Amino acid sequence: MANQKLDKLDKQILRMISVDARVPFLEVARTCNVSGAAIHQRIQKLYNMGVLKGSQFIIEPEKIGYETCAFIGLNLKNPETFDDVVEQLKKMPEVVECHYTTGNYDLFIKIYAQNNHHLLNIIHDQLQPLGLARSETIISFHTAIDRALPATRFPGEE
């Protein structure tokens, strides 16, 4: 849903919590010059609008034994199976992102594997049986930028 109706206070709250999700609501309230209850209400409103989604700790895959990050472009033999394939991908914990795309691929996924051998097993044993015409794998050596979209500027602001 594009162009959410966000007022100045919503944007100020988003700017603060996007920098530090653990900032106490009372600190946000003091900075915004409103009550703590007002911040709680606004945060709930932002969840209800779908602007905010969940809260989570971010686990560093390499630190828990997943040393290979790869991006795989998938071409399906039968594009009508998109929904079924996506449901099967959701069941694979190593698949952390899946995108419907334009261009050379029907789907583009991001996957973490323990090592290259594990990646090969996932491709051969789990992805190929989904009905792939072909796939292309790109292994990432290092993530140079990894961030959420910062809430520093909003469309329509100068």
N, C-alpha and C. Protein backbone atom coordinates (compact mmCIF):
# COMPACT_ATOMS: atom_id res chain seq x y z
N MET A 1 0.85 -1.17 0.00
CA MET A 1 0.00 0.00 0.00
C MET A 1 0.90 1.24 0.00
N ALA A 2 0.91 1.92 -1.09
CA ALA A 2 1.79 3.09 -1.23
C ALA A 2 1.15 4.33 -0.61
N ASN A 3 2.01 5.30 -0.34
CA ASN A 3 1.56 6.61 0.15
C ASN A 3 0.70 6.53 1.40
N GLN A 4 1.21 5.83 2.43
CA GLN A 4 0.52 5.78 3.71
C GLN A 4 0.36 7.21 4.24
N LYS A 5 -0.69 7.44 4.98
CA LYS A 5 -0.93 8.75 5.58
C LYS A 5 -0.12 8.88 6.86
N LEU A 6 1.09 9.32 6.73
CA LEU A 6 1.99 9.50 7.86
C LEU A 6 2.12 10.98 8.15
N ASP A 7 1.89 11.36 9.40
CA ASP A 7 2.06 12.76 9.76
C ASP A 7 3.48 12.98 10.30
N LYS A 8 3.74 14.21 10.72
CA LYS A 8 5.07 14.59 11.17
C LYS A 8 5.52 13.74 12.36
N LEU A 9 4.62 13.47 13.31
CA LEU A 9 4.98 12.67 14.48
C LEU A 9 5.31 11.23 14.08
N ASP A 10 4.50 10.63 13.19
CA ASP A 10 4.78 9.28 12.72
C ASP A 10 6.19 9.20 12.12
N LYS A 11 6.52 10.17 11.29
CA LYS A 11 7.82 10.18 10.62
C LYS A 11 8.95 10.36 11.63
N GLN A 12 8.73 11.20 12.63
CA GLN A 12 9.74 11.41 13.65
C GLN A 12 9.98 10.12 14.45
N ILE A 13 8.90 9.42 14.77
CA ILE A 13 9.01 8.14 15.48
C ILE A 13 9.75 7.14 14.61
N LEU A 14 9.38 7.03 13.34
CA LEU A 14 10.04 6.08 12.44
C LEU A 14 11.53 6.37 12.30
N ARG A 15 11.88 7.65 12.23
CA ARG A 15 13.30 8.00 12.13
C ARG A 15 14.05 7.50 13.35
N MET A 16 13.48 7.68 14.53
CA MET A 16 14.17 7.27 15.76
C MET A 16 14.27 5.76 15.89
N ILE A 17 13.18 5.04 15.66
CA ILE A 17 13.22 3.60 15.88
C ILE A 17 13.95 2.87 14.75
N SER A 18 14.08 3.49 13.58
CA SER A 18 14.84 2.84 12.51
C SER A 18 16.34 2.90 12.78
N VAL A 19 16.78 3.87 13.56
CA VAL A 19 18.18 3.97 13.95
C VAL A 19 18.49 2.98 15.07
N ASP A 20 17.56 2.86 16.04
CA ASP A 20 17.74 1.96 17.19
C ASP A 20 16.38 1.41 17.59
N ALA A 21 16.11 0.19 17.19
CA ALA A 21 14.81 -0.42 17.48
C ALA A 21 14.59 -0.65 18.97
N ARG A 22 15.64 -0.60 19.73
CA ARG A 22 15.52 -0.83 21.18
C ARG A 22 15.45 0.46 21.99
N VAL A 23 15.31 1.58 21.32
CA VAL A 23 15.21 2.86 22.03
C VAL A 23 13.94 2.82 22.88
N PRO A 24 14.03 3.17 24.17
CA PRO A 24 12.83 3.15 25.02
C PRO A 24 11.77 4.13 24.51
N PHE A 25 10.52 3.69 24.59
CA PHE A 25 9.42 4.54 24.13
C PHE A 25 9.38 5.86 24.90
N LEU A 26 9.76 5.83 26.16
CA LEU A 26 9.76 7.09 26.92
C LEU A 26 10.79 8.07 26.38
N GLU A 27 11.91 7.56 25.90
CA GLU A 27 12.91 8.44 25.27
C GLU A 27 12.35 9.02 23.97
N VAL A 28 11.66 8.19 23.20
CA VAL A 28 11.03 8.67 21.97
C VAL A 28 10.00 9.74 22.32
N ALA A 29 9.21 9.48 23.37
CA ALA A 29 8.18 10.43 23.80
C ALA A 29 8.80 11.77 24.18
N ARG A 30 9.89 11.73 24.96
CA ARG A 30 10.55 12.97 25.38
C ARG A 30 11.06 13.74 24.15
N THR A 31 11.71 13.05 23.25
CA THR A 31 12.26 13.69 22.06
C THR A 31 11.15 14.30 21.20
N CYS A 32 10.02 13.58 21.12
CA CYS A 32 8.89 14.04 20.29
C CYS A 32 7.97 15.00 21.04
N ASN A 33 8.24 15.19 22.33
CA ASN A 33 7.45 16.10 23.16
C ASN A 33 5.98 15.68 23.25
N VAL A 34 5.76 14.36 23.45
CA VAL A 34 4.42 13.81 23.66
C VAL A 34 4.50 12.80 24.80
N SER A 35 3.37 12.25 25.19
CA SER A 35 3.35 11.28 26.28
C SER A 35 3.80 9.90 25.81
N GLY A 36 4.20 9.07 26.77
CA GLY A 36 4.56 7.69 26.46
C GLY A 36 3.38 6.93 25.87
N ALA A 37 2.18 7.22 26.39
CA ALA A 37 0.97 6.55 25.87
C ALA A 37 0.75 6.92 24.40
N ALA A 38 1.04 8.16 24.05
CA ALA A 38 0.88 8.59 22.65
C ALA A 38 1.82 7.81 21.74
N ILE A 39 3.04 7.56 22.21
CA ILE A 39 4.00 6.80 21.41
C ILE A 39 3.50 5.36 21.23
N HIS A 40 3.03 4.75 22.32
CA HIS A 40 2.49 3.39 22.23
C HIS A 40 1.34 3.33 21.22
N GLN A 41 0.46 4.31 21.27
CA GLN A 41 -0.68 4.34 20.34
C GLN A 41 -0.20 4.50 18.90
N ARG A 42 0.77 5.38 18.69
CA ARG A 42 1.29 5.60 17.34
C ARG A 42 1.99 4.35 16.80
N ILE A 43 2.78 3.70 17.65
CA ILE A 43 3.46 2.47 17.22
C ILE A 43 2.43 1.43 16.83
N GLN A 44 1.38 1.28 17.63
CA GLN A 44 0.32 0.32 17.31
C GLN A 44 -0.36 0.70 15.99
N LYS A 45 -0.59 1.99 15.79
CA LYS A 45 -1.19 2.45 14.54
C LYS A 45 -0.29 2.09 13.36
N LEU A 46 1.02 2.27 13.50
CA LEU A 46 1.96 1.96 12.43
C LEU A 46 1.98 0.45 12.13
N TYR A 47 1.83 -0.37 13.16
CA TYR A 47 1.69 -1.82 12.95
C TYR A 47 0.40 -2.12 12.19
N ASN A 48 -0.69 -1.52 12.65
CA ASN A 48 -2.00 -1.77 12.03
C ASN A 48 -2.03 -1.33 10.56
N MET A 49 -1.30 -0.27 10.24
CA MET A 49 -1.23 0.22 8.87
C MET A 49 -0.32 -0.65 8.00
N GLY A 50 0.47 -1.51 8.65
CA GLY A 50 1.41 -2.34 7.90
C GLY A 50 2.74 -1.65 7.63
N VAL A 51 2.94 -0.46 8.20
CA VAL A 51 4.20 0.25 8.03
C VAL A 51 5.30 -0.48 8.80
N LEU A 52 4.98 -0.92 10.01
CA LEU A 52 5.91 -1.71 10.82
C LEU A 52 5.49 -3.16 10.77
N LYS A 53 6.48 -4.05 10.70
CA LYS A 53 6.22 -5.48 10.71
C LYS A 53 7.13 -6.13 11.74
N GLY A 54 6.55 -6.79 12.73
CA GLY A 54 7.29 -7.61 13.67
C GLY A 54 8.45 -6.91 14.35
N SER A 55 9.16 -7.69 15.11
CA SER A 55 10.44 -7.28 15.70
C SER A 55 11.24 -8.55 15.87
N GLN A 56 12.52 -8.45 15.64
CA GLN A 56 13.33 -9.66 15.65
C GLN A 56 14.77 -9.34 15.97
N PHE A 57 15.47 -10.37 16.42
CA PHE A 57 16.91 -10.28 16.54
C PHE A 57 17.49 -10.78 15.23
N ILE A 58 18.57 -10.19 14.78
CA ILE A 58 19.19 -10.60 13.53
C ILE A 58 20.36 -11.52 13.86
N ILE A 59 20.30 -12.73 13.36
CA ILE A 59 21.35 -13.72 13.59
C ILE A 59 22.34 -13.66 12.44
N GLU A 60 23.61 -13.62 12.75
CA GLU A 60 24.67 -13.62 11.74
C GLU A 60 24.88 -15.06 11.28
N PRO A 61 24.45 -15.41 10.05
CA PRO A 61 24.50 -16.81 9.60
C PRO A 61 25.86 -17.47 9.74
N GLU A 62 26.93 -16.74 9.40
CA GLU A 62 28.27 -17.32 9.47
C GLU A 62 28.64 -17.74 10.88
N LYS A 63 28.15 -17.00 11.88
CA LYS A 63 28.48 -17.28 13.28
C LYS A 63 27.84 -18.58 13.77
N ILE A 64 26.81 -19.05 13.06
CA ILE A 64 26.16 -20.30 13.47
C ILE A 64 26.39 -21.43 12.46
N GLY A 65 27.39 -21.25 11.59
CA GLY A 65 27.80 -22.34 10.72
C GLY A 65 27.32 -22.30 9.29
N TYR A 66 26.70 -21.20 8.86
CA TYR A 66 26.25 -21.07 7.47
C TYR A 66 27.20 -20.13 6.76
N GLU A 67 28.24 -20.70 6.15
CA GLU A 67 29.33 -19.91 5.59
C GLU A 67 29.12 -19.49 4.15
N THR A 68 28.14 -20.09 3.46
CA THR A 68 27.92 -19.78 2.05
C THR A 68 26.59 -19.06 1.87
N CYS A 69 26.67 -17.89 1.27
CA CYS A 69 25.47 -17.13 0.89
C CYS A 69 25.42 -17.16 -0.63
N ALA A 70 24.25 -17.51 -1.17
CA ALA A 70 24.12 -17.57 -2.63
C ALA A 70 22.80 -16.98 -3.07
N PHE A 71 22.80 -16.47 -4.27
CA PHE A 71 21.59 -16.00 -4.93
C PHE A 71 21.36 -16.93 -6.11
N ILE A 72 20.13 -17.39 -6.25
CA ILE A 72 19.84 -18.36 -7.30
C ILE A 72 18.65 -17.88 -8.11
N GLY A 73 18.87 -17.74 -9.41
CA GLY A 73 17.79 -17.43 -10.33
C GLY A 73 17.15 -18.73 -10.78
N LEU A 74 15.84 -18.84 -10.65
CA LEU A 74 15.12 -20.06 -11.00
C LEU A 74 14.22 -19.84 -12.21
N ASN A 75 14.29 -20.74 -13.15
CA ASN A 75 13.36 -20.76 -14.27
C ASN A 75 12.55 -22.04 -14.17
N LEU A 76 11.24 -21.89 -14.14
CA LEU A 76 10.36 -23.03 -13.97
C LEU A 76 9.99 -23.64 -15.32
N LYS A 77 9.89 -24.96 -15.35
CA LYS A 77 9.42 -25.63 -16.57
C LYS A 77 7.99 -25.21 -16.87
N ASN A 78 7.21 -25.09 -15.81
CA ASN A 78 5.80 -24.76 -15.94
C ASN A 78 5.49 -23.54 -15.06
N PRO A 79 5.47 -22.33 -15.62
CA PRO A 79 5.25 -21.13 -14.81
C PRO A 79 3.93 -21.13 -14.03
N GLU A 80 2.98 -21.97 -14.41
CA GLU A 80 1.72 -22.03 -13.66
C GLU A 80 1.93 -22.59 -12.25
N THR A 81 3.10 -23.17 -11.99
CA THR A 81 3.37 -23.76 -10.68
C THR A 81 4.01 -22.76 -9.70
N PHE A 82 4.04 -21.49 -10.06
CA PHE A 82 4.63 -20.46 -9.19
C PHE A 82 4.23 -20.62 -7.74
N ASP A 83 2.93 -20.63 -7.48
CA ASP A 83 2.45 -20.66 -6.10
C ASP A 83 2.88 -21.92 -5.37
N ASP A 84 2.83 -23.07 -6.05
CA ASP A 84 3.26 -24.33 -5.42
C ASP A 84 4.75 -24.31 -5.12
N VAL A 85 5.53 -23.79 -6.05
CA VAL A 85 6.98 -23.72 -5.85
C VAL A 85 7.29 -22.80 -4.67
N VAL A 86 6.64 -21.65 -4.60
CA VAL A 86 6.88 -20.73 -3.49
C VAL A 86 6.52 -21.39 -2.17
N GLU A 87 5.43 -22.14 -2.12
CA GLU A 87 5.05 -22.84 -0.88
C GLU A 87 6.13 -23.85 -0.48
N GLN A 88 6.73 -24.53 -1.44
CA GLN A 88 7.81 -25.48 -1.13
C GLN A 88 9.06 -24.73 -0.67
N LEU A 89 9.35 -23.59 -1.29
CA LEU A 89 10.51 -22.79 -0.86
C LEU A 89 10.34 -22.30 0.56
N LYS A 90 9.12 -21.96 0.96
CA LYS A 90 8.86 -21.51 2.33
C LYS A 90 9.21 -22.57 3.36
N LYS A 91 9.17 -23.82 2.96
CA LYS A 91 9.46 -24.94 3.88
C LYS A 91 10.96 -25.19 4.03
N MET A 92 11.77 -24.53 3.22
CA MET A 92 13.23 -24.71 3.27
C MET A 92 13.83 -23.60 4.12
N PRO A 93 14.31 -23.91 5.32
CA PRO A 93 14.83 -22.85 6.20
C PRO A 93 16.03 -22.11 5.63
N GLU A 94 16.77 -22.73 4.73
CA GLU A 94 17.93 -22.08 4.14
C GLU A 94 17.55 -20.95 3.18
N VAL A 95 16.33 -20.99 2.66
CA VAL A 95 15.85 -19.94 1.76
C VAL A 95 15.34 -18.79 2.61
N VAL A 96 16.02 -17.65 2.53
CA VAL A 96 15.66 -16.51 3.38
C VAL A 96 14.94 -15.40 2.62
N GLU A 97 15.00 -15.41 1.30
CA GLU A 97 14.27 -14.44 0.48
C GLU A 97 13.84 -15.12 -0.80
N CYS A 98 12.70 -14.69 -1.31
CA CYS A 98 12.22 -15.18 -2.61
C CYS A 98 11.49 -14.02 -3.28
N HIS A 99 11.88 -13.73 -4.51
CA HIS A 99 11.32 -12.60 -5.24
C HIS A 99 10.77 -13.05 -6.59
N TYR A 100 9.57 -12.59 -6.94
CA TYR A 100 9.08 -12.71 -8.31
C TYR A 100 9.80 -11.61 -9.07
N THR A 101 10.35 -11.90 -10.23
CA THR A 101 11.15 -10.90 -10.91
C THR A 101 10.81 -10.79 -12.40
N THR A 102 11.27 -9.72 -12.98
CA THR A 102 11.25 -9.57 -14.43
C THR A 102 12.62 -10.01 -14.93
N GLY A 103 12.78 -10.09 -16.21
CA GLY A 103 14.09 -10.41 -16.76
C GLY A 103 14.31 -11.90 -16.96
N ASN A 104 15.51 -12.36 -16.64
CA ASN A 104 15.93 -13.71 -16.98
C ASN A 104 15.35 -14.82 -16.11
N TYR A 105 14.78 -14.49 -14.96
CA TYR A 105 14.35 -15.52 -14.02
C TYR A 105 12.88 -15.36 -13.67
N ASP A 106 12.24 -16.51 -13.38
CA ASP A 106 10.88 -16.47 -12.86
C ASP A 106 10.90 -16.07 -11.39
N LEU A 107 11.85 -16.65 -10.65
CA LEU A 107 12.01 -16.38 -9.22
C LEU A 107 13.49 -16.16 -8.94
N PHE A 108 13.77 -15.38 -7.93
CA PHE A 108 15.15 -15.13 -7.52
C PHE A 108 15.19 -15.31 -6.02
N ILE A 109 16.05 -16.23 -5.53
CA ILE A 109 16.07 -16.52 -4.10
C ILE A 109 17.45 -16.23 -3.51
N LYS A 110 17.43 -15.96 -2.22
CA LYS A 110 18.67 -15.83 -1.44
C LYS A 110 18.68 -17.01 -0.49
N ILE A 111 19.83 -17.67 -0.39
CA ILE A 111 19.92 -18.89 0.37
C ILE A 111 21.21 -18.91 1.18
N TYR A 112 21.16 -19.48 2.37
CA TYR A 112 22.36 -19.70 3.17
C TYR A 112 22.59 -21.20 3.28
N ALA A 113 23.83 -21.62 3.09
CA ALA A 113 24.21 -23.03 3.22
C ALA A 113 25.44 -23.12 4.11
N GLN A 114 25.64 -24.29 4.67
CA GLN A 114 26.78 -24.47 5.57
C GLN A 114 28.10 -24.33 4.83
N ASN A 115 28.12 -24.78 3.58
CA ASN A 115 29.32 -24.70 2.75
C ASN A 115 28.89 -24.98 1.31
N ASN A 116 29.83 -25.00 0.39
CA ASN A 116 29.49 -25.22 -1.01
C ASN A 116 28.89 -26.61 -1.26
N HIS A 117 29.38 -27.60 -0.53
CA HIS A 117 28.84 -28.96 -0.69
C HIS A 117 27.38 -28.99 -0.25
N HIS A 118 27.07 -28.36 0.85
CA HIS A 118 25.68 -28.28 1.33
C HIS A 118 24.82 -27.54 0.30
N LEU A 119 25.35 -26.46 -0.27
CA LEU A 119 24.63 -25.71 -1.30
C LEU A 119 24.32 -26.62 -2.49
N LEU A 120 25.29 -27.39 -2.94
CA LEU A 120 25.08 -28.31 -4.05
C LEU A 120 23.97 -29.31 -3.72
N ASN A 121 23.97 -29.83 -2.50
CA ASN A 121 22.92 -30.78 -2.09
C ASN A 121 21.54 -30.12 -2.10
N ILE A 122 21.47 -28.89 -1.63
CA ILE A 122 20.18 -28.19 -1.63
C ILE A 122 19.69 -28.01 -3.07
N ILE A 123 20.57 -27.57 -3.95
CA ILE A 123 20.18 -27.36 -5.35
C ILE A 123 19.73 -28.68 -5.97
N HIS A 124 20.52 -29.71 -5.79
CA HIS A 124 20.24 -31.00 -6.43
C HIS A 124 19.04 -31.71 -5.80
N ASP A 125 18.99 -31.76 -4.47
CA ASP A 125 17.98 -32.57 -3.79
C ASP A 125 16.67 -31.85 -3.49
N GLN A 126 16.72 -30.52 -3.35
CA GLN A 126 15.51 -29.80 -2.96
C GLN A 126 14.97 -28.87 -4.04
N LEU A 127 15.86 -28.19 -4.77
CA LEU A 127 15.39 -27.23 -5.77
C LEU A 127 15.04 -27.89 -7.10
N GLN A 128 15.91 -28.74 -7.61
CA GLN A 128 15.65 -29.37 -8.91
C GLN A 128 14.32 -30.12 -8.95
N PRO A 129 13.94 -30.85 -7.89
CA PRO A 129 12.64 -31.56 -7.92
C PRO A 129 11.42 -30.65 -7.98
N LEU A 130 11.61 -29.35 -7.81
CA LEU A 130 10.47 -28.41 -7.86
C LEU A 130 10.00 -28.17 -9.29
N GLY A 131 10.70 -28.71 -10.27
CA GLY A 131 10.30 -28.53 -11.66
C GLY A 131 11.02 -27.38 -12.33
N LEU A 132 12.33 -27.31 -12.14
CA LEU A 132 13.10 -26.23 -12.74
C LEU A 132 13.50 -26.59 -14.16
N ALA A 133 13.38 -25.63 -15.05
CA ALA A 133 13.94 -25.77 -16.39
C ALA A 133 15.44 -25.57 -16.30
N ARG A 134 15.84 -24.57 -15.48
CA ARG A 134 17.25 -24.30 -15.25
C ARG A 134 17.37 -23.35 -14.06
N SER A 135 18.57 -23.26 -13.55
CA SER A 135 18.85 -22.31 -12.48
C SER A 135 20.25 -21.74 -12.69
N GLU A 136 20.49 -20.60 -12.10
CA GLU A 136 21.81 -19.98 -12.14
C GLU A 136 22.15 -19.53 -10.73
N THR A 137 23.30 -19.97 -10.25
CA THR A 137 23.72 -19.68 -8.88
C THR A 137 24.86 -18.69 -8.87
N ILE A 138 24.74 -17.70 -8.01
CA ILE A 138 25.79 -16.70 -7.81
C ILE A 138 26.14 -16.75 -6.33
N ILE A 139 27.39 -17.05 -6.02
CA ILE A 139 27.84 -17.11 -4.63
C ILE A 139 28.37 -15.74 -4.22
N SER A 140 27.94 -15.30 -3.05
CA SER A 140 28.39 -14.02 -2.51
C SER A 140 29.65 -14.25 -1.67
N PHE A 141 30.70 -13.50 -1.94
CA PHE A 141 31.92 -13.60 -1.14
C PHE A 141 31.80 -12.80 0.15
N HIS A 142 31.11 -11.65 0.06
CA HIS A 142 31.03 -10.77 1.22
C HIS A 142 29.88 -9.79 1.01
N THR A 143 29.15 -9.49 2.05
CA THR A 143 28.08 -8.51 1.98
C THR A 143 28.64 -7.13 2.29
N ALA A 144 28.62 -6.25 1.33
CA ALA A 144 29.18 -4.91 1.51
C ALA A 144 28.18 -3.97 2.18
N ILE A 145 26.89 -4.13 1.86
CA ILE A 145 25.83 -3.32 2.46
C ILE A 145 24.69 -4.27 2.82
N ASP A 146 24.23 -4.18 4.06
CA ASP A 146 23.10 -5.01 4.52
C ASP A 146 22.31 -4.17 5.51
N ARG A 147 21.22 -3.60 5.04
CA ARG A 147 20.43 -2.73 5.91
C ARG A 147 18.99 -2.73 5.47
N ALA A 148 18.14 -2.33 6.38
CA ALA A 148 16.75 -2.07 6.04
C ALA A 148 16.69 -0.69 5.39
N LEU A 149 15.61 -0.42 4.69
CA LEU A 149 15.42 0.90 4.12
C LEU A 149 15.37 1.91 5.25
N PRO A 150 16.30 2.86 5.29
CA PRO A 150 16.30 3.82 6.39
C PRO A 150 15.12 4.79 6.29
N ALA A 151 14.58 5.13 7.44
CA ALA A 151 13.46 6.07 7.48
C ALA A 151 13.99 7.48 7.71
N THR A 152 14.87 7.91 6.82
CA THR A 152 15.45 9.26 6.97
C THR A 152 14.77 10.26 6.06
N ARG A 153 14.31 9.78 4.89
CA ARG A 153 13.59 10.64 3.95
C ARG A 153 12.35 9.91 3.50
N PHE A 154 11.30 10.65 3.32
CA PHE A 154 10.04 10.07 2.88
C PHE A 154 9.66 10.71 1.54
N PRO A 155 9.01 9.95 0.67
CA PRO A 155 8.58 10.53 -0.61
C PRO A 155 7.80 11.82 -0.40
N GLY A 156 8.14 12.81 -1.20
CA GLY A 156 7.45 14.11 -1.11
C GLY A 156 8.17 15.10 -0.20
N GLU A 157 9.16 14.63 0.57
CA GLU A 157 9.92 15.55 1.41
C GLU A 157 11.16 16.01 0.66
N GLU A 158 11.58 17.19 0.94
CA GLU A 158 12.79 17.71 0.30
C GLU A 158 13.96 17.56 1.21
